[in-house]
C-alpha cells in the first residue's frame, strides 16, 4: 500500500457533489472501508454503480443522485448494514431494487427519477426480471455515431499527417 492509499484510508467522509465531474465512478472507492459518508451527487458520472461499494462496511450515507448512472443496482449494496441514508434518484437505473437488509428500509424518494427501476419501494411490480441487462452506452454510441475508438483513430491519423507535413516543410531549404 502506497502513501496515497494510506492517507485515503484515514478519510471518513468524501463530498464531491456539484463539481461537474465526469466519467465512471472508480471501483477502487470500494477499498475505502473506513468511509462513513460518500456524496457524489449532482455530477455527470456515467456507467454502472461499482459493486465494490458493497465492501465499504462502515458506510452510513451514500448519495449518487443526479448523475447519469445506468444499469442495475448491485446486489452487494445489501451488505451495507450501517447504511442510514441512500439516494440513487435521478439516474437511469433499471431492473429490480435488490432486496435484503438496509435496502428494504428506504422509501421511494431514494429511487425516484429512475423510470425503469422497479420494486416494492416504488410500488412498481418487476416483470421479466431474468432478462439480460443491455448496455445503454453501446446502444447510445451506435445511435449517435460517437465512440472513443473513432476519436483515437482520428487523432492518430491527424498526428501522422501533421508529422509528415512538418518534416516536408522543415526539410525544404527553398520555399519558392
N, C-alpha and C. Protein backbone atom coordinates (compact mmCIF):
# COMPACT_ATOMS: atom_id res chain seq x y z
N UNK A 1 0.85 -1.18 0.00
CA UNK A 1 0.00 0.00 0.00
C UNK A 1 0.89 1.24 0.00
N UNK A 2 0.67 2.14 -0.97
CA UNK A 2 1.49 3.34 -1.04
C UNK A 2 0.96 4.42 -0.09
N UNK A 3 1.70 5.50 0.03
CA UNK A 3 1.36 6.57 0.96
C UNK A 3 0.00 7.17 0.65
N UNK A 4 -0.31 7.37 -0.64
CA UNK A 4 -1.59 7.94 -1.04
C UNK A 4 -2.75 7.07 -0.56
N UNK A 5 -2.62 5.75 -0.73
CA UNK A 5 -3.68 4.83 -0.29
C UNK A 5 -3.81 4.84 1.23
N UNK A 6 -2.69 4.96 1.94
CA UNK A 6 -2.73 5.02 3.40
C UNK A 6 -3.48 6.28 3.85
N UNK A 7 -3.18 7.40 3.21
CA UNK A 7 -3.86 8.65 3.56
C UNK A 7 -5.36 8.54 3.30
N UNK A 8 -5.73 7.92 2.17
CA UNK A 8 -7.14 7.79 1.85
C UNK A 8 -7.90 6.92 2.85
N UNK A 9 -7.23 5.96 3.46
CA UNK A 9 -7.92 5.12 4.44
C UNK A 9 -8.25 5.88 5.71
N UNK A 10 -7.64 7.04 5.91
CA UNK A 10 -7.91 7.85 7.09
C UNK A 10 -9.22 8.62 6.93
N UNK A 11 -9.59 8.95 5.69
CA UNK A 11 -10.81 9.72 5.45
C UNK A 11 -12.04 8.96 5.93
N UNK A 12 -12.97 9.69 6.53
CA UNK A 12 -14.25 9.09 6.89
C UNK A 12 -15.39 9.71 6.09
N UNK A 13 -15.11 10.81 5.39
CA UNK A 13 -16.15 11.48 4.61
C UNK A 13 -15.56 12.07 3.34
N UNK A 14 -16.24 11.82 2.22
CA UNK A 14 -15.86 12.41 0.94
C UNK A 14 -17.11 13.01 0.32
N UNK A 15 -17.08 14.32 0.08
CA UNK A 15 -18.20 15.03 -0.55
C UNK A 15 -17.67 15.75 -1.79
N UNK A 16 -17.94 15.18 -2.94
CA UNK A 16 -17.53 15.77 -4.21
C UNK A 16 -18.76 16.18 -5.02
N UNK A 17 -19.84 16.52 -4.34
CA UNK A 17 -21.07 16.90 -5.02
C UNK A 17 -20.92 18.23 -5.73
N UNK A 18 -21.71 18.41 -6.79
CA UNK A 18 -21.75 19.66 -7.56
C UNK A 18 -20.39 20.10 -8.07
N UNK A 19 -19.61 19.20 -8.61
CA UNK A 19 -18.27 19.53 -9.10
C UNK A 19 -18.10 19.31 -10.60
N UNK A 20 -19.16 19.04 -11.31
CA UNK A 20 -19.11 18.80 -12.76
C UNK A 20 -18.14 17.67 -13.12
N UNK A 21 -18.04 16.66 -12.26
CA UNK A 21 -17.16 15.52 -12.52
C UNK A 21 -17.81 14.61 -13.55
N UNK A 22 -16.99 14.00 -14.39
CA UNK A 22 -17.47 13.11 -15.45
C UNK A 22 -16.72 11.79 -15.40
N UNK A 23 -17.21 10.83 -16.17
CA UNK A 23 -16.56 9.53 -16.25
C UNK A 23 -17.26 8.53 -15.36
N UNK A 24 -16.63 7.40 -15.19
CA UNK A 24 -17.20 6.34 -14.36
C UNK A 24 -16.74 6.49 -12.92
N UNK A 25 -17.56 6.02 -12.01
CA UNK A 25 -17.16 6.01 -10.60
C UNK A 25 -16.11 4.92 -10.45
N UNK A 26 -14.93 5.24 -9.93
CA UNK A 26 -13.86 4.23 -9.82
C UNK A 26 -14.25 3.11 -8.85
N UNK A 27 -14.04 1.88 -9.28
CA UNK A 27 -14.34 0.75 -8.40
C UNK A 27 -13.40 0.72 -7.20
N UNK A 28 -12.26 1.39 -7.31
CA UNK A 28 -11.30 1.43 -6.19
C UNK A 28 -11.85 2.16 -4.98
N UNK A 29 -12.94 2.92 -5.13
CA UNK A 29 -13.56 3.56 -3.96
C UNK A 29 -13.98 2.51 -2.93
N UNK A 30 -14.29 1.32 -3.41
CA UNK A 30 -14.68 0.24 -2.50
C UNK A 30 -13.59 -0.16 -1.54
N UNK A 31 -12.35 0.25 -1.80
CA UNK A 31 -11.23 -0.05 -0.90
C UNK A 31 -11.21 0.86 0.32
N UNK A 32 -11.99 1.92 0.30
CA UNK A 32 -12.03 2.86 1.43
C UNK A 32 -13.02 2.34 2.47
N UNK A 33 -12.63 1.30 3.15
CA UNK A 33 -13.53 0.59 4.06
C UNK A 33 -13.92 1.39 5.29
N UNK A 34 -13.15 2.40 5.66
CA UNK A 34 -13.49 3.20 6.84
C UNK A 34 -14.35 4.41 6.50
N UNK A 35 -14.72 4.57 5.23
CA UNK A 35 -15.53 5.70 4.81
C UNK A 35 -16.93 5.59 5.40
N UNK A 36 -17.42 6.70 5.96
CA UNK A 36 -18.75 6.74 6.56
C UNK A 36 -19.73 7.48 5.65
N UNK A 37 -19.26 8.52 4.96
CA UNK A 37 -20.10 9.33 4.08
C UNK A 37 -19.46 9.43 2.70
N UNK A 38 -20.23 9.12 1.66
CA UNK A 38 -19.79 9.29 0.28
C UNK A 38 -20.88 10.02 -0.48
N UNK A 39 -20.58 11.25 -0.91
CA UNK A 39 -21.55 12.06 -1.66
C UNK A 39 -20.94 12.45 -3.00
N UNK A 40 -21.45 11.85 -4.06
CA UNK A 40 -21.00 12.15 -5.42
C UNK A 40 -22.16 12.71 -6.25
N UNK A 41 -23.15 13.29 -5.59
CA UNK A 41 -24.36 13.75 -6.25
C UNK A 41 -24.12 14.97 -7.13
N UNK A 42 -25.06 15.19 -8.04
CA UNK A 42 -25.09 16.36 -8.92
C UNK A 42 -23.80 16.54 -9.71
N UNK A 43 -23.36 15.47 -10.33
CA UNK A 43 -22.22 15.49 -11.24
C UNK A 43 -22.69 14.90 -12.57
N UNK A 44 -21.79 14.44 -13.37
CA UNK A 44 -22.14 13.80 -14.64
C UNK A 44 -21.50 12.43 -14.75
N UNK A 45 -21.48 11.69 -13.64
CA UNK A 45 -20.92 10.34 -13.67
C UNK A 45 -21.78 9.45 -14.55
N UNK A 46 -21.12 8.59 -15.32
CA UNK A 46 -21.82 7.64 -16.18
C UNK A 46 -21.37 6.23 -15.80
N UNK A 47 -21.96 5.26 -16.45
CA UNK A 47 -21.57 3.87 -16.18
C UNK A 47 -22.43 3.27 -15.09
N UNK A 48 -21.99 2.14 -14.62
CA UNK A 48 -22.74 1.41 -13.60
C UNK A 48 -22.25 1.80 -12.20
N UNK A 49 -23.06 1.47 -11.22
CA UNK A 49 -22.63 1.65 -9.83
C UNK A 49 -21.68 0.49 -9.52
N UNK A 50 -20.44 0.78 -9.13
CA UNK A 50 -19.49 -0.31 -8.87
C UNK A 50 -19.97 -1.21 -7.72
N UNK A 51 -19.94 -2.51 -7.96
CA UNK A 51 -20.34 -3.45 -6.91
C UNK A 51 -19.39 -3.39 -5.72
N UNK A 52 -18.17 -2.90 -5.94
CA UNK A 52 -17.18 -2.81 -4.86
C UNK A 52 -17.62 -1.85 -3.75
N UNK A 53 -18.59 -0.98 -4.02
CA UNK A 53 -19.08 -0.09 -2.96
C UNK A 53 -19.70 -0.90 -1.82
N UNK A 54 -20.10 -2.12 -2.11
CA UNK A 54 -20.63 -3.00 -1.08
C UNK A 54 -19.59 -3.43 -0.07
N UNK A 55 -18.31 -3.18 -0.34
CA UNK A 55 -17.22 -3.53 0.59
C UNK A 55 -17.01 -2.47 1.66
N UNK A 56 -17.68 -1.34 1.54
CA UNK A 56 -17.46 -0.22 2.47
C UNK A 56 -18.32 -0.45 3.72
N UNK A 57 -17.86 -1.33 4.56
CA UNK A 57 -18.63 -1.80 5.69
C UNK A 57 -19.09 -0.75 6.69
N UNK A 58 -18.40 0.37 6.79
CA UNK A 58 -18.77 1.41 7.75
C UNK A 58 -19.66 2.49 7.15
N UNK A 59 -19.99 2.38 5.87
CA UNK A 59 -20.72 3.43 5.18
C UNK A 59 -22.11 3.63 5.78
N UNK A 60 -22.41 4.88 6.14
CA UNK A 60 -23.72 5.24 6.70
C UNK A 60 -24.54 6.09 5.74
N UNK A 61 -23.88 6.79 4.82
CA UNK A 61 -24.58 7.68 3.90
C UNK A 61 -23.97 7.56 2.50
N UNK A 62 -24.83 7.27 1.52
CA UNK A 62 -24.40 7.13 0.13
C UNK A 62 -25.34 7.94 -0.75
N UNK A 63 -24.81 8.96 -1.42
CA UNK A 63 -25.62 9.79 -2.31
C UNK A 63 -24.99 9.83 -3.70
N UNK A 64 -25.63 9.16 -4.64
CA UNK A 64 -25.18 9.13 -6.03
C UNK A 64 -26.24 9.76 -6.94
N UNK A 65 -27.12 10.56 -6.37
CA UNK A 65 -28.23 11.13 -7.11
C UNK A 65 -27.78 12.15 -8.15
N UNK A 66 -28.66 12.40 -9.10
CA UNK A 66 -28.47 13.42 -10.14
C UNK A 66 -27.17 13.23 -10.91
N UNK A 67 -26.98 12.02 -11.40
CA UNK A 67 -25.87 11.70 -12.29
C UNK A 67 -26.47 11.05 -13.54
N UNK A 68 -25.68 10.33 -14.27
CA UNK A 68 -26.15 9.64 -15.47
C UNK A 68 -25.82 8.15 -15.37
N UNK A 69 -25.95 7.61 -14.18
CA UNK A 69 -25.63 6.21 -13.94
C UNK A 69 -26.71 5.33 -14.56
N UNK A 70 -26.32 4.17 -15.08
CA UNK A 70 -27.27 3.26 -15.67
C UNK A 70 -26.99 1.84 -15.20
N UNK A 71 -27.84 0.93 -15.62
CA UNK A 71 -27.68 -0.47 -15.23
C UNK A 71 -28.44 -0.77 -13.95
N UNK A 72 -28.16 -1.91 -13.40
CA UNK A 72 -28.86 -2.36 -12.19
C UNK A 72 -28.14 -1.91 -10.92
N UNK A 73 -28.90 -1.83 -9.85
CA UNK A 73 -28.30 -1.55 -8.54
C UNK A 73 -27.62 -2.84 -8.10
N UNK A 74 -26.33 -2.79 -7.76
CA UNK A 74 -25.62 -4.02 -7.39
C UNK A 74 -26.19 -4.67 -6.12
N UNK A 75 -26.32 -5.98 -6.17
CA UNK A 75 -26.79 -6.76 -5.02
C UNK A 75 -25.87 -6.56 -3.83
N UNK A 76 -24.59 -6.28 -4.07
CA UNK A 76 -23.61 -6.12 -3.00
C UNK A 76 -23.95 -4.96 -2.06
N UNK A 77 -24.76 -4.01 -2.51
CA UNK A 77 -25.13 -2.89 -1.64
C UNK A 77 -25.98 -3.35 -0.45
N UNK A 78 -26.55 -4.54 -0.54
CA UNK A 78 -27.32 -5.06 0.59
C UNK A 78 -26.41 -5.41 1.77
N UNK A 79 -25.10 -5.50 1.54
CA UNK A 79 -24.15 -5.80 2.63
C UNK A 79 -23.84 -4.58 3.49
N UNK A 80 -24.32 -3.40 3.10
CA UNK A 80 -24.03 -2.17 3.85
C UNK A 80 -25.00 -2.07 5.03
N UNK A 81 -24.69 -2.77 6.09
CA UNK A 81 -25.61 -2.88 7.22
C UNK A 81 -25.74 -1.61 8.05
N UNK A 82 -24.78 -0.69 7.95
CA UNK A 82 -24.87 0.56 8.71
C UNK A 82 -25.49 1.69 7.91
N UNK A 83 -25.87 1.42 6.68
CA UNK A 83 -26.39 2.46 5.79
C UNK A 83 -27.69 3.05 6.33
N UNK A 84 -27.67 4.35 6.62
CA UNK A 84 -28.85 5.05 7.13
C UNK A 84 -29.48 5.97 6.09
N UNK A 85 -28.68 6.42 5.14
CA UNK A 85 -29.17 7.34 4.11
C UNK A 85 -28.70 6.84 2.75
N UNK A 86 -29.63 6.75 1.82
CA UNK A 86 -29.32 6.33 0.46
C UNK A 86 -30.11 7.19 -0.52
N UNK A 87 -29.43 7.75 -1.52
CA UNK A 87 -30.12 8.50 -2.55
C UNK A 87 -29.53 8.12 -3.91
N UNK A 88 -30.30 7.38 -4.68
CA UNK A 88 -29.91 6.97 -6.03
C UNK A 88 -30.84 7.60 -7.07
N UNK A 89 -31.59 8.62 -6.66
CA UNK A 89 -32.60 9.22 -7.53
C UNK A 89 -31.98 9.97 -8.70
N UNK A 90 -32.81 10.19 -9.72
CA UNK A 90 -32.45 10.98 -10.89
C UNK A 90 -31.23 10.43 -11.64
N UNK A 91 -31.28 9.14 -11.93
CA UNK A 91 -30.27 8.48 -12.76
C UNK A 91 -31.01 7.72 -13.85
N UNK A 92 -30.38 6.71 -14.42
CA UNK A 92 -31.00 5.89 -15.46
C UNK A 92 -30.93 4.42 -15.06
N UNK A 93 -31.17 4.15 -13.80
CA UNK A 93 -31.07 2.79 -13.29
C UNK A 93 -32.26 1.97 -13.76
N UNK A 94 -32.02 0.67 -13.92
CA UNK A 94 -33.06 -0.23 -14.42
C UNK A 94 -33.15 -1.47 -13.55
N UNK A 95 -34.24 -2.21 -13.73
CA UNK A 95 -34.39 -3.50 -13.09
C UNK A 95 -34.88 -3.41 -11.66
N UNK A 96 -34.86 -4.55 -10.98
CA UNK A 96 -35.38 -4.60 -9.61
C UNK A 96 -34.41 -4.00 -8.59
N UNK A 97 -34.97 -3.39 -7.57
CA UNK A 97 -34.17 -2.92 -6.43
C UNK A 97 -33.81 -4.16 -5.62
N UNK A 98 -32.53 -4.40 -5.35
CA UNK A 98 -32.15 -5.58 -4.58
C UNK A 98 -32.85 -5.60 -3.21
N UNK A 99 -33.29 -6.78 -2.83
CA UNK A 99 -33.99 -6.94 -1.57
C UNK A 99 -33.05 -7.46 -0.50
N UNK A 100 -33.25 -7.02 0.72
CA UNK A 100 -32.47 -7.52 1.84
C UNK A 100 -31.85 -6.42 2.67
N UNK A 101 -31.86 -6.64 3.94
CA UNK A 101 -31.23 -5.76 4.93
C UNK A 101 -31.64 -4.31 4.76
N UNK A 102 -30.67 -3.43 4.69
CA UNK A 102 -30.91 -1.99 4.71
C UNK A 102 -31.69 -1.48 3.51
N UNK A 103 -31.48 -2.03 2.34
CA UNK A 103 -32.16 -1.50 1.16
C UNK A 103 -33.68 -1.60 1.27
N UNK A 104 -34.17 -2.53 2.09
CA UNK A 104 -35.61 -2.66 2.29
C UNK A 104 -36.19 -1.51 3.11
N UNK A 105 -35.35 -0.78 3.82
CA UNK A 105 -35.84 0.26 4.73
C UNK A 105 -35.99 1.63 4.08
N UNK A 106 -35.51 1.80 2.86
CA UNK A 106 -35.54 3.12 2.24
C UNK A 106 -36.84 3.34 1.46
N UNK A 107 -37.30 4.59 1.47
CA UNK A 107 -38.56 4.94 0.81
C UNK A 107 -38.35 5.17 -0.69
N UNK A 108 -39.44 5.44 -1.36
CA UNK A 108 -39.39 5.67 -2.81
C UNK A 108 -38.54 6.88 -3.18
N UNK A 109 -38.41 7.84 -2.28
CA UNK A 109 -37.62 9.04 -2.60
C UNK A 109 -36.15 8.72 -2.86
N UNK A 110 -35.67 7.61 -2.33
CA UNK A 110 -34.28 7.19 -2.57
C UNK A 110 -34.06 6.71 -3.99
N UNK A 111 -35.15 6.38 -4.69
CA UNK A 111 -35.03 5.75 -6.00
C UNK A 111 -35.79 6.50 -7.11
N UNK A 112 -36.48 7.59 -6.77
CA UNK A 112 -37.33 8.28 -7.76
C UNK A 112 -36.50 8.83 -8.93
N UNK A 113 -37.16 9.02 -10.06
CA UNK A 113 -36.47 9.56 -11.23
C UNK A 113 -35.69 8.52 -12.01
N UNK A 114 -35.96 7.25 -11.74
CA UNK A 114 -35.39 6.13 -12.49
C UNK A 114 -36.58 5.34 -13.04
N UNK A 115 -37.15 5.75 -14.18
CA UNK A 115 -38.40 5.17 -14.64
C UNK A 115 -38.36 3.67 -14.91
N UNK A 116 -37.19 3.11 -15.16
CA UNK A 116 -37.10 1.67 -15.46
C UNK A 116 -36.73 0.84 -14.24
N UNK A 117 -36.76 1.47 -13.07
CA UNK A 117 -36.48 0.77 -11.81
C UNK A 117 -37.79 0.24 -11.25
N UNK A 118 -37.76 -0.91 -10.62
CA UNK A 118 -38.98 -1.48 -10.06
C UNK A 118 -38.68 -2.14 -8.71
N UNK A 119 -39.72 -2.36 -7.95
CA UNK A 119 -39.58 -2.99 -6.65
C UNK A 119 -40.63 -2.48 -5.67
N UNK A 120 -40.73 -3.12 -4.51
CA UNK A 120 -41.75 -2.75 -3.53
C UNK A 120 -41.66 -1.30 -3.06
N UNK A 121 -40.46 -0.75 -2.99
CA UNK A 121 -40.30 0.63 -2.54
C UNK A 121 -40.99 1.60 -3.49
N UNK A 122 -41.09 1.24 -4.75
CA UNK A 122 -41.68 2.11 -5.77
C UNK A 122 -43.11 1.71 -6.11
N UNK A 123 -43.63 0.69 -5.46
CA UNK A 123 -44.96 0.17 -5.77
C UNK A 123 -45.09 -0.15 -7.25
N UNK A 124 -44.00 -0.57 -7.85
CA UNK A 124 -43.99 -0.95 -9.27
C UNK A 124 -43.48 -2.38 -9.37
N UNK A 125 -44.37 -3.26 -9.79
CA UNK A 125 -44.02 -4.67 -9.89
C UNK A 125 -42.98 -4.89 -10.98
N UNK A 126 -42.03 -5.76 -10.69
CA UNK A 126 -40.98 -6.09 -11.66
C UNK A 126 -41.46 -7.23 -12.56
N UNK A 127 -41.33 -7.02 -13.86
CA UNK A 127 -41.67 -8.05 -14.83
C UNK A 127 -40.43 -8.42 -15.61
N UNK A 128 -40.33 -9.67 -16.03
CA UNK A 128 -39.19 -10.14 -16.82
C UNK A 128 -37.87 -9.84 -16.13
N UNK A 129 -37.77 -10.20 -14.86
CA UNK A 129 -36.58 -9.92 -14.07
C UNK A 129 -35.36 -10.64 -14.61
N UNK A 130 -35.56 -11.79 -15.25
CA UNK A 130 -34.43 -12.59 -15.71
C UNK A 130 -33.88 -12.14 -17.05
N UNK A 131 -34.44 -11.10 -17.65
CA UNK A 131 -33.90 -10.65 -18.93
C UNK A 131 -32.53 -10.06 -18.75
N UNK A 132 -31.62 -10.32 -19.66
CA UNK A 132 -30.26 -9.79 -19.52
C UNK A 132 -30.25 -8.27 -19.67
N UNK A 133 -29.32 -7.66 -18.97
CA UNK A 133 -29.20 -6.21 -19.00
C UNK A 133 -28.48 -5.79 -20.27
N UNK A 134 -29.09 -4.86 -20.99
CA UNK A 134 -28.40 -4.34 -22.17
C UNK A 134 -27.45 -3.25 -21.74
N UNK A 135 -26.55 -2.91 -22.61
CA UNK A 135 -25.56 -1.89 -22.29
C UNK A 135 -25.94 -0.59 -22.99
N UNK A 136 -26.59 0.35 -22.27
CA UNK A 136 -27.05 1.58 -22.88
C UNK A 136 -25.94 2.39 -23.53
N UNK A 137 -24.73 2.32 -23.01
CA UNK A 137 -23.67 3.15 -23.58
C UNK A 137 -23.34 2.70 -25.00
N UNK A 138 -23.33 1.40 -25.27
CA UNK A 138 -23.05 0.90 -26.62
C UNK A 138 -24.21 1.25 -27.55
N UNK A 139 -25.46 1.12 -27.04
CA UNK A 139 -26.61 1.48 -27.85
C UNK A 139 -26.54 2.95 -28.21
N UNK A 140 -26.21 3.79 -27.27
CA UNK A 140 -26.12 5.22 -27.49
C UNK A 140 -25.02 5.54 -28.49
N UNK A 141 -23.89 4.85 -28.38
CA UNK A 141 -22.79 5.07 -29.33
C UNK A 141 -23.24 4.79 -30.75
N UNK A 142 -23.97 3.69 -30.95
CA UNK A 142 -24.37 3.34 -32.30
C UNK A 142 -25.41 4.31 -32.84
N UNK A 143 -26.26 4.86 -31.99
CA UNK A 143 -27.26 5.81 -32.44
C UNK A 143 -26.63 7.17 -32.74
N UNK A 144 -25.74 7.62 -31.90
CA UNK A 144 -25.15 8.94 -32.05
C UNK A 144 -23.97 8.90 -33.01
N UNK A 145 -23.31 7.76 -33.13
CA UNK A 145 -22.15 7.65 -34.00
C UNK A 145 -20.87 8.11 -33.35
N UNK A 146 -20.86 8.22 -32.06
CA UNK A 146 -19.69 8.69 -31.31
C UNK A 146 -19.06 7.51 -30.59
N UNK A 147 -17.75 7.40 -30.70
CA UNK A 147 -17.05 6.37 -29.94
C UNK A 147 -15.62 6.82 -29.70
N UNK A 148 -15.05 6.35 -28.62
CA UNK A 148 -13.67 6.70 -28.29
C UNK A 148 -12.70 6.09 -29.30
N UNK A 149 -13.08 4.94 -29.88
CA UNK A 149 -12.23 4.34 -30.90
C UNK A 149 -12.09 5.28 -32.09
N UNK A 150 -13.20 5.89 -32.50
CA UNK A 150 -13.18 6.83 -33.61
C UNK A 150 -12.31 8.04 -33.33
N UNK A 151 -12.38 8.52 -32.10
CA UNK A 151 -11.55 9.67 -31.71
C UNK A 151 -10.07 9.28 -31.75
N UNK A 152 -9.74 8.11 -31.25
CA UNK A 152 -8.34 7.66 -31.24
C UNK A 152 -7.81 7.49 -32.66
N UNK A 153 -8.61 6.92 -33.54
CA UNK A 153 -8.18 6.75 -34.94
C UNK A 153 -7.98 8.11 -35.60
N UNK A 154 -8.92 9.02 -35.39
CA UNK A 154 -8.80 10.37 -35.96
C UNK A 154 -7.59 11.11 -35.44
N UNK A 155 -7.34 10.98 -34.14
CA UNK A 155 -6.18 11.64 -33.54
C UNK A 155 -4.89 11.06 -34.12
N UNK A 156 -4.84 9.75 -34.24
CA UNK A 156 -3.64 9.09 -34.78
C UNK A 156 -3.37 9.50 -36.22
N UNK A 157 -4.41 9.52 -37.04
CA UNK A 157 -4.24 9.93 -38.44
C UNK A 157 -3.79 11.39 -38.53
N UNK A 158 -4.40 12.24 -37.73
CA UNK A 158 -4.01 13.65 -37.73
C UNK A 158 -2.57 13.85 -37.30
N UNK A 159 -2.14 13.07 -36.33
CA UNK A 159 -0.76 13.16 -35.85
C UNK A 159 0.22 12.75 -36.94
N UNK A 160 -0.07 11.65 -37.63
CA UNK A 160 0.81 11.17 -38.70
C UNK A 160 0.89 12.20 -39.83
N UNK A 161 -0.26 12.72 -40.27
CA UNK A 161 -0.27 13.72 -41.34
C UNK A 161 0.48 14.97 -40.90
N UNK A 162 0.29 15.40 -39.67
CA UNK A 162 1.00 16.57 -39.15
C UNK A 162 2.50 16.38 -39.12
N UNK A 163 2.96 15.21 -38.71
CA UNK A 163 4.40 14.93 -38.68
C UNK A 163 4.99 14.91 -40.09
N UNK A 164 4.27 14.32 -41.03
CA UNK A 164 4.76 14.28 -42.42
C UNK A 164 4.84 15.69 -42.99
N UNK A 165 3.79 16.48 -42.81
CA UNK A 165 3.79 17.87 -43.32
C UNK A 165 4.90 18.68 -42.66
N UNK A 166 5.10 18.51 -41.39
CA UNK A 166 6.16 19.22 -40.68
C UNK A 166 7.53 18.84 -41.19
N UNK A 167 7.74 17.56 -41.43
CA UNK A 167 9.03 17.09 -41.94
C UNK A 167 9.29 17.64 -43.34
N UNK A 168 8.29 17.56 -44.21
CA UNK A 168 8.44 18.06 -45.58
C UNK A 168 8.71 19.56 -45.56
N UNK A 169 7.99 20.30 -44.76
CA UNK A 169 8.15 21.75 -44.69
C UNK A 169 9.52 22.14 -44.15
N UNK A 170 9.96 21.51 -43.10
CA UNK A 170 11.23 21.87 -42.48
C UNK A 170 12.44 21.35 -43.26
N UNK A 171 12.27 20.32 -44.07
CA UNK A 171 13.41 19.78 -44.81
C UNK A 171 13.69 20.54 -46.10
N UNK A 172 12.77 21.33 -46.57
CA UNK A 172 12.98 22.15 -47.77
C UNK A 172 13.80 23.37 -47.42
N UNK A 173 14.81 23.63 -48.23
CA UNK A 173 15.64 24.82 -47.99
C UNK A 173 15.08 26.04 -48.70
N UNK A 174 14.54 25.83 -49.89
CA UNK A 174 13.96 26.94 -50.65
C UNK A 174 12.46 26.76 -50.74
N UNK A 175 11.74 27.79 -50.36
CA UNK A 175 10.29 27.74 -50.42
C UNK A 175 9.76 28.10 -51.80
N UNK A 176 10.49 28.90 -52.57
CA UNK A 176 9.99 29.37 -53.86
C UNK A 176 10.79 28.79 -54.97
